[in-house]
């Protein structure tokens, strides 16, 4: 009798632990070829033991196809820039980014924000970060918000520290005194 229970239990285990395999179409399988999917990415760049840049993203797709080495951040991207004392200086974020490993440029798109530790904010639909040159630029519409003014225009360039910036075509420059302040609890 005990032998029957043991056999029955063994059969239950064998059939209940069946691994289900998903069948993929050729098209689905091809879409994953030459790609690495990495979740909850955190990349740290350092110089002489000091953190220079931290990059965080919920998903990074590394394209490994020959002559097409790039890293794609389809669900957003956050870069934090630090000074030599490990103090956060700037943050750069977007909803989408793609980095070319050959040219060492990152193109960020959709709600791009570059914010320095003085509270200045640059907002644009697109921004290109050239790591070799240490600059960020765009020809798209840009809004720079400072404590005392808002500047809007087209074409923008700045260094990675967001200290030296130029705007090609200024469309509007609004002093803070002209800005509408929301009513605070009446």
Protein backbone atom coordinates (compact mmCIF):
# COMPACT_ATOMS: atom_id res chain seq x y z
CA UNK A 1 0.00 0.00 0.00
CA UNK A 2 2.81 2.38 0.92
CA UNK A 3 4.41 1.56 -2.39
CA UNK A 4 1.30 2.73 -4.29
CA UNK A 5 1.27 6.05 -2.42
CA UNK A 6 4.94 6.58 -3.18
CA UNK A 7 4.41 5.82 -6.88
CA UNK A 8 1.37 8.08 -7.00
CA UNK A 9 3.27 10.91 -5.31
CA UNK A 10 6.18 10.47 -7.70
CA UNK A 11 3.85 10.66 -10.72
CA UNK A 12 2.22 13.83 -9.37
CA UNK A 13 5.64 15.48 -9.01
CA UNK A 14 6.75 14.46 -12.49
CA UNK A 15 3.68 15.80 -14.24
CA UNK A 16 3.21 18.92 -12.12
CA UNK A 17 6.74 20.23 -12.68
CA UNK A 18 6.39 20.36 -16.43
CA UNK A 19 8.28 23.32 -17.88
CA UNK A 20 6.23 25.34 -20.32
CA UNK A 21 8.14 26.63 -23.27
CA UNK A 22 6.91 29.50 -25.32
CA UNK A 23 7.02 29.00 -29.04
CA UNK A 24 8.34 32.08 -30.82
CA UNK A 25 7.68 33.07 -34.37
CA UNK A 26 10.68 33.83 -36.57
CA UNK A 27 9.75 37.51 -36.41
CA UNK A 28 9.67 37.53 -32.59
CA UNK A 29 12.96 35.67 -32.34
CA UNK A 30 14.61 38.04 -34.82
CA UNK A 31 13.53 41.07 -32.78
CA UNK A 32 15.60 39.77 -29.84
CA UNK A 33 18.66 38.80 -31.90
CA UNK A 34 21.82 40.84 -31.35
CA UNK A 35 20.34 42.58 -28.29
CA UNK A 36 20.95 42.38 -24.57
CA UNK A 37 18.14 43.49 -22.23
CA UNK A 38 19.31 44.81 -18.87
CA UNK A 39 16.84 45.96 -16.20
CA UNK A 40 17.44 48.48 -13.39
CA UNK A 41 20.70 49.74 -14.85
CA UNK A 42 23.18 51.77 -12.83
CA UNK A 43 26.40 52.80 -14.60
CA UNK A 44 29.11 54.69 -12.73
CA UNK A 45 31.90 56.59 -14.49
CA UNK A 46 34.85 57.54 -12.31
CA UNK A 47 38.15 59.35 -12.64
CA UNK A 48 40.98 58.60 -10.20
CA UNK A 49 38.53 56.93 -7.83
CA UNK A 50 36.08 59.85 -7.82
CA UNK A 51 32.57 59.41 -9.18
CA UNK A 52 32.08 61.71 -12.17
CA UNK A 53 28.76 60.53 -13.61
CA UNK A 54 26.06 58.08 -12.51
CA UNK A 55 23.54 56.85 -15.08
CA UNK A 56 20.33 55.12 -14.01
CA UNK A 57 17.58 53.60 -16.13
CA UNK A 58 14.78 51.06 -15.68
CA UNK A 59 15.79 49.30 -18.92
CA UNK A 60 18.78 49.38 -21.24
CA UNK A 61 18.85 47.54 -24.55
CA UNK A 62 22.40 46.99 -25.75
CA UNK A 63 22.49 46.52 -29.53
CA UNK A 64 25.43 44.27 -30.39
CA UNK A 65 24.96 43.90 -34.14
CA UNK A 66 28.16 44.41 -36.13
CA UNK A 67 28.74 48.13 -36.89
CA UNK A 68 25.71 49.09 -34.80
CA UNK A 69 26.95 49.26 -31.22
CA UNK A 70 24.51 51.37 -29.26
CA UNK A 71 22.70 51.49 -25.94
CA UNK A 72 19.02 52.35 -25.93
CA UNK A 73 17.03 53.55 -22.93
CA UNK A 74 13.38 53.20 -24.04
CA UNK A 75 11.82 53.77 -20.59
CA UNK A 76 13.80 56.80 -19.50
CA UNK A 77 17.26 57.88 -18.53
CA UNK A 78 18.80 59.83 -15.64
CA UNK A 79 22.39 61.07 -15.51
CA UNK A 80 23.87 62.69 -12.41
CA UNK A 81 27.07 64.76 -12.69
CA UNK A 82 29.37 65.07 -9.66
CA UNK A 83 32.28 67.37 -8.83
CA UNK A 84 35.68 66.21 -7.51
CA UNK A 85 34.29 66.26 -3.94
CA UNK A 86 31.47 63.84 -4.86
CA UNK A 87 28.85 66.61 -4.62
CA UNK A 88 25.94 66.38 -7.08
CA UNK A 89 26.17 69.30 -9.53
CA UNK A 90 23.67 68.57 -12.32
CA UNK A 91 21.00 66.11 -13.37
CA UNK A 92 20.01 65.25 -16.90
CA UNK A 93 16.85 63.26 -17.63
CA UNK A 94 14.60 62.26 -20.51
CA UNK A 95 11.89 59.74 -21.30
CA UNK A 96 13.99 58.17 -24.09
CA UNK A 97 17.70 58.09 -24.93
CA UNK A 98 20.02 56.30 -27.31
CA UNK A 99 23.82 56.28 -27.04
CA UNK A 100 26.21 55.54 -29.89
CA UNK A 101 29.32 53.82 -28.55
CA UNK A 102 31.38 54.72 -31.62
CA UNK A 103 30.71 58.47 -31.62
CA UNK A 104 30.20 58.65 -27.82
CA UNK A 105 27.08 60.75 -28.25
CA UNK A 106 23.76 60.31 -26.48
CA UNK A 107 20.58 61.65 -28.06
CA UNK A 108 17.85 62.26 -25.50
CA UNK A 109 14.26 62.83 -26.57
CA UNK A 110 10.88 63.53 -25.01
CA UNK A 111 10.80 65.78 -21.95
CA UNK A 112 14.52 66.43 -21.64
CA UNK A 113 15.50 68.30 -18.46
CA UNK A 114 18.97 69.51 -17.48
CA UNK A 115 19.05 70.99 -13.97
CA UNK A 116 22.06 72.42 -12.14
CA UNK A 117 22.55 72.78 -8.40
CA UNK A 118 21.71 76.52 -8.62
CA UNK A 119 18.18 75.61 -9.65
CA UNK A 120 18.53 76.59 -13.30
CA UNK A 121 16.53 74.30 -15.58
CA UNK A 122 16.80 73.67 -19.31
CA UNK A 123 13.82 71.93 -20.93
CA UNK A 124 13.65 70.73 -24.55
CA UNK A 125 12.19 68.00 -26.74
CA UNK A 126 15.68 66.84 -27.72
CA UNK A 127 19.25 67.24 -26.50
CA UNK A 128 22.48 65.68 -27.76
CA UNK A 129 25.28 64.98 -25.30
CA UNK A 130 28.74 64.80 -26.89
CA UNK A 131 30.92 63.05 -24.31
CA UNK A 132 34.18 63.64 -26.22
CA UNK A 133 33.63 67.40 -26.41
CA UNK A 134 32.00 67.63 -22.97
CA UNK A 135 29.04 69.60 -24.30
CA UNK A 136 25.29 69.31 -24.75
CA UNK A 137 23.41 70.94 -27.63
CA UNK A 138 20.21 71.09 -29.66
CA UNK A 139 18.69 73.05 -32.52
CA UNK A 140 15.18 72.46 -31.15
CA UNK A 141 13.03 74.79 -29.03
CA UNK A 142 14.48 75.33 -25.54
CA UNK A 143 13.23 76.94 -22.33
CA UNK A 144 15.76 77.94 -19.67
CA UNK A 145 14.27 78.84 -16.30
CA UNK A 146 16.31 80.78 -13.76
CA UNK A 147 15.33 82.37 -10.45
CA UNK A 148 14.97 85.79 -12.05
CA UNK A 149 13.91 85.00 -15.63
CA UNK A 150 12.74 82.58 -18.28
CA UNK A 151 14.48 82.51 -21.66
CA UNK A 152 12.94 80.73 -24.65
CA UNK A 153 14.42 80.17 -28.05
CA UNK A 154 15.94 77.81 -30.57
CA UNK A 155 19.39 76.30 -30.57
CA UNK A 156 21.19 75.78 -27.28
CA UNK A 157 24.67 74.71 -26.23
CA UNK A 158 26.23 74.26 -22.80
CA UNK A 159 29.07 72.48 -21.07
CA UNK A 160 28.48 69.43 -18.85
CA UNK A 161 28.55 71.72 -15.80
CA UNK A 162 25.72 73.88 -17.21
CA UNK A 163 27.82 76.99 -16.47
CA UNK A 164 28.66 78.32 -19.93
CA UNK A 165 25.62 78.25 -22.18
CA UNK A 166 24.51 80.01 -25.34
CA UNK A 167 21.20 80.22 -27.15
CA UNK A 168 21.27 80.86 -30.91
CA UNK A 169 17.88 82.51 -31.38
CA UNK A 170 16.14 84.02 -28.36
CA UNK A 171 12.39 84.06 -28.86
CA UNK A 172 11.40 85.49 -25.47
CA UNK A 173 13.07 86.69 -22.30
CA UNK A 174 10.66 87.11 -19.41
CA UNK A 175 11.85 88.70 -16.14
CA UNK A 176 10.61 87.13 -12.91
CA UNK A 177 8.73 90.32 -12.01
CA UNK A 178 6.45 89.73 -15.03
CA UNK A 179 5.70 86.11 -14.17
CA UNK A 180 2.30 85.30 -12.70
CA UNK A 181 2.64 83.98 -9.18
CA UNK A 182 -0.02 81.54 -7.96
CA UNK A 183 -2.16 82.65 -5.04
CA UNK A 184 -0.94 81.07 -1.84
CA UNK A 185 -3.63 79.94 0.62
CA UNK A 186 -5.93 82.90 1.07
